Every structure is written in structure tokens, then in C-alpha cells.
C-alpha atoms as a PDB file:
ATOM      1  CA  MET A   1     117.643 294.839  25.901  1.00  0.00           C
ATOM      2  CA  ASN A   2     120.245 297.464  25.176  1.00  0.00           C
ATOM      3  CA  GLN A   3     119.869 298.831  21.627  1.00  0.00           C
ATOM      4  CA  GLU A   4     123.545 299.803  21.484  1.00  0.00           C
ATOM      5  CA  LEU A   5     124.608 296.235  22.289  1.00  0.00           C
ATOM      6  CA  PHE A   6     122.205 294.879  19.657  1.00  0.00           C
ATOM      7  CA  GLU A   7     123.742 297.220  17.069  1.00  0.00           C
ATOM      8  CA  LYS A   8     127.295 296.172  18.014  1.00  0.00           C
ATOM      9  CA  VAL A   9     126.461 292.498  17.578  1.00  0.00           C
ATOM     10  CA  GLU A  10     124.635 293.217  14.322  1.00  0.00           C
ATOM     11  CA  ASN A  11     127.712 295.077  13.073  1.00  0.00           C
ATOM     12  CA  VAL A  12     129.955 292.062  13.776  1.00  0.00           C
ATOM     13  CA  LEU A  13     127.468 289.830  11.948  1.00  0.00           C
ATOM     14  CA  LYS A  14     127.389 292.266   9.053  1.00  0.00           C
ATOM     15  CA  ASN A  15     131.149 291.833   8.652  1.00  0.00           C
ATOM     16  CA  LEU A  16     130.850 288.023   8.789  1.00  0.00           C
ATOM     17  CA  ARG A  17     127.894 287.689   6.399  1.00  0.00           C
ATOM     18  CA  PRO A  18     129.896 287.852   3.143  1.00  0.00           C
ATOM     19  CA  TYR A  19     131.838 284.747   4.214  1.00  0.00           C
ATOM     20  CA  LEU A  20     128.614 282.859   4.923  1.00  0.00           C
ATOM     21  CA  GLN A  21     126.933 284.101   1.764  1.00  0.00           C
ATOM     22  CA  ILE A  22     129.749 282.785  -0.432  1.00  0.00           C
ATOM     23  CA  ASP A  23     128.480 279.293   0.385  1.00  0.00           C
ATOM     24  CA  GLY A  24     124.795 280.214   0.174  1.00  0.00           C
ATOM     25  CA  GLY A  25     124.269 280.761   3.895  1.00  0.00           C
ATOM     26  CA  ASP A  26     123.461 283.634   6.210  1.00  0.00           C
ATOM     27  CA  VAL A  27     122.796 284.465   9.846  1.00  0.00           C
ATOM     28  CA  GLU A  28     120.039 286.495  11.485  1.00  0.00           C
ATOM     29  CA  LEU A  29     120.270 288.087  14.934  1.00  0.00           C
ATOM     30  CA  VAL A  30     117.139 287.083  16.849  1.00  0.00           C
ATOM     31  CA  GLU A  31     117.740 288.449  20.349  1.00  0.00           C
ATOM     32  CA  ILE A  32     120.216 289.141  23.112  1.00  0.00           C
ATOM     33  CA  THR A  33     119.046 287.924  26.496  1.00  0.00           C
ATOM     34  CA  ASP A  34     119.420 289.830  29.751  1.00  0.00           C
ATOM     35  CA  ASP A  35     122.250 287.472  30.704  1.00  0.00           C
ATOM     36  CA  PHE A  36     124.144 288.347  27.478  1.00  0.00           C
ATOM     37  CA  ILE A  37     123.443 285.260  25.408  1.00  0.00           C
ATOM     38  CA  VAL A  38     123.149 286.031  21.707  1.00  0.00           C
ATOM     39  CA  LYS A  39     120.478 284.043  19.874  1.00  0.00           C
ATOM     40  CA  VAL A  40     120.863 283.709  16.133  1.00  0.00           C
ATOM     41  CA  LYS A  41     119.199 281.810  13.335  1.00  0.00           C
ATOM     42  CA  LEU A  42     121.372 280.186  10.676  1.00  0.00           C
ATOM     43  CA  LEU A  43     119.801 280.545   7.240  1.00  0.00           C
ATOM     44  CA  GLY A  44     120.167 279.083   3.770  1.00  0.00           C
ATOM     45  CA  ALA A  45     122.950 276.555   3.303  1.00  0.00           C
ATOM     46  CA  CYS A  46     124.173 277.179   6.874  1.00  0.00           C
ATOM     47  CA  TYR A  47     120.906 275.840   8.299  1.00  0.00           C
ATOM     48  CA  ALA A  48     121.380 272.275   7.068  1.00  0.00           C
ATOM     49  CA  CYS A  49     125.167 272.179   6.811  1.00  0.00           C
ATOM     50  CA  PRO A  50     126.792 269.388   8.862  1.00  0.00           C
ATOM     51  CA  LEU A  51     129.490 271.891   9.884  1.00  0.00           C
ATOM     52  CA  ASN A  52     127.065 274.532  11.158  1.00  0.00           C
ATOM     53  CA  LEU A  53     128.068 273.938  14.793  1.00  0.00           C
ATOM     54  CA  MET A  54     131.690 274.624  13.873  1.00  0.00           C
ATOM     55  CA  THR A  55     130.626 277.744  11.978  1.00  0.00           C
ATOM     56  CA  LEU A  56     128.622 278.853  14.993  1.00  0.00           C
ATOM     57  CA  ARG A  57     131.273 278.204  17.674  1.00  0.00           C
ATOM     58  CA  ALA A  58     134.638 278.645  15.935  1.00  0.00           C
ATOM     59  CA  GLY A  59     133.507 281.382  13.595  1.00  0.00           C
ATOM     60  CA  ILE A  60     130.576 283.520  14.662  1.00  0.00           C
ATOM     61  CA  GLU A  61     130.692 283.067  18.458  1.00  0.00           C
ATOM     62  CA  ARG A  62     134.454 283.488  18.645  1.00  0.00           C
ATOM     63  CA  LYS A  63     134.372 286.734  16.651  1.00  0.00           C
ATOM     64  CA  ILE A  64     131.451 288.223  18.593  1.00  0.00           C
ATOM     65  CA  MET A  65     132.998 287.372  21.980  1.00  0.00           C
ATOM     66  CA  LYS A  66     136.350 288.800  20.894  1.00  0.00           C
ATOM     67  CA  GLU A  67     134.783 292.060  19.714  1.00  0.00           C
ATOM     68  CA  ILE A  68     132.221 292.311  22.549  1.00  0.00           C
ATOM     69  CA  PRO A  69     133.568 290.677  25.744  1.00  0.00           C
ATOM     70  CA  LEU A  70     130.252 291.251  27.521  1.00  0.00           C
ATOM     71  CA  ILE A  71     128.686 288.438  25.452  1.00  0.00           C
ATOM     72  CA  LYS A  72     128.804 285.054  27.205  1.00  0.00           C
ATOM     73  CA  ARG A  73     127.557 282.629  24.574  1.00  0.00           C
ATOM     74  CA  LEU A  74     125.905 282.222  21.193  1.00  0.00           C
ATOM     75  CA  GLU A  75     122.921 279.932  20.556  1.00  0.00           C
ATOM     76  CA  ASN A  76     121.303 278.852  17.324  1.00  0.00           C
ATOM     77  CA  VAL A  77     117.517 279.025  17.649  1.00  0.00           C
ATOM     78  CA  GLY A  78     116.774 277.984  14.085  1.00  0.00           C
END
């Protein structure tokens, strides 16, 4: 995996974390696959939240794909 790509994704997550942490949640970058799928783990309140799929798709995935067009999808592995 490309370290520069990992750092770019981590930087986007870093900017999103305060919004998740307000509600007691967080996100951890687990890996980026060779076919540019970002795997994350939702933590804290985000893990069990009934809206976590919306947070994942409409929030985190949308922002990462906008900032880094190379990324194809985001998956929650938690």
C-alpha cells in the first residue's frame, strides 16, 4: 500500500474526527486495499448508532472520495 495515500486518507479523517467525537464516536483507518477500497472501524457511539451507515456513506465516504478521487469505496470492518 502507498504510504502517501494512507496519510492523505488519515488527514481527511483527522478533519472529520471532531464532528464524530462531539457525539462520543470516532473512526479508525484500518487499511486501504490494492483496489482503492478504504477500510475503517467506527468506534465509540458511532459503532452502535442506528445512523452509522448514513455517517459512513453520506459523511465519511463522500468527503474522502471528494478529496481523493482515486478512492472507490469505504467499508466498515468493525
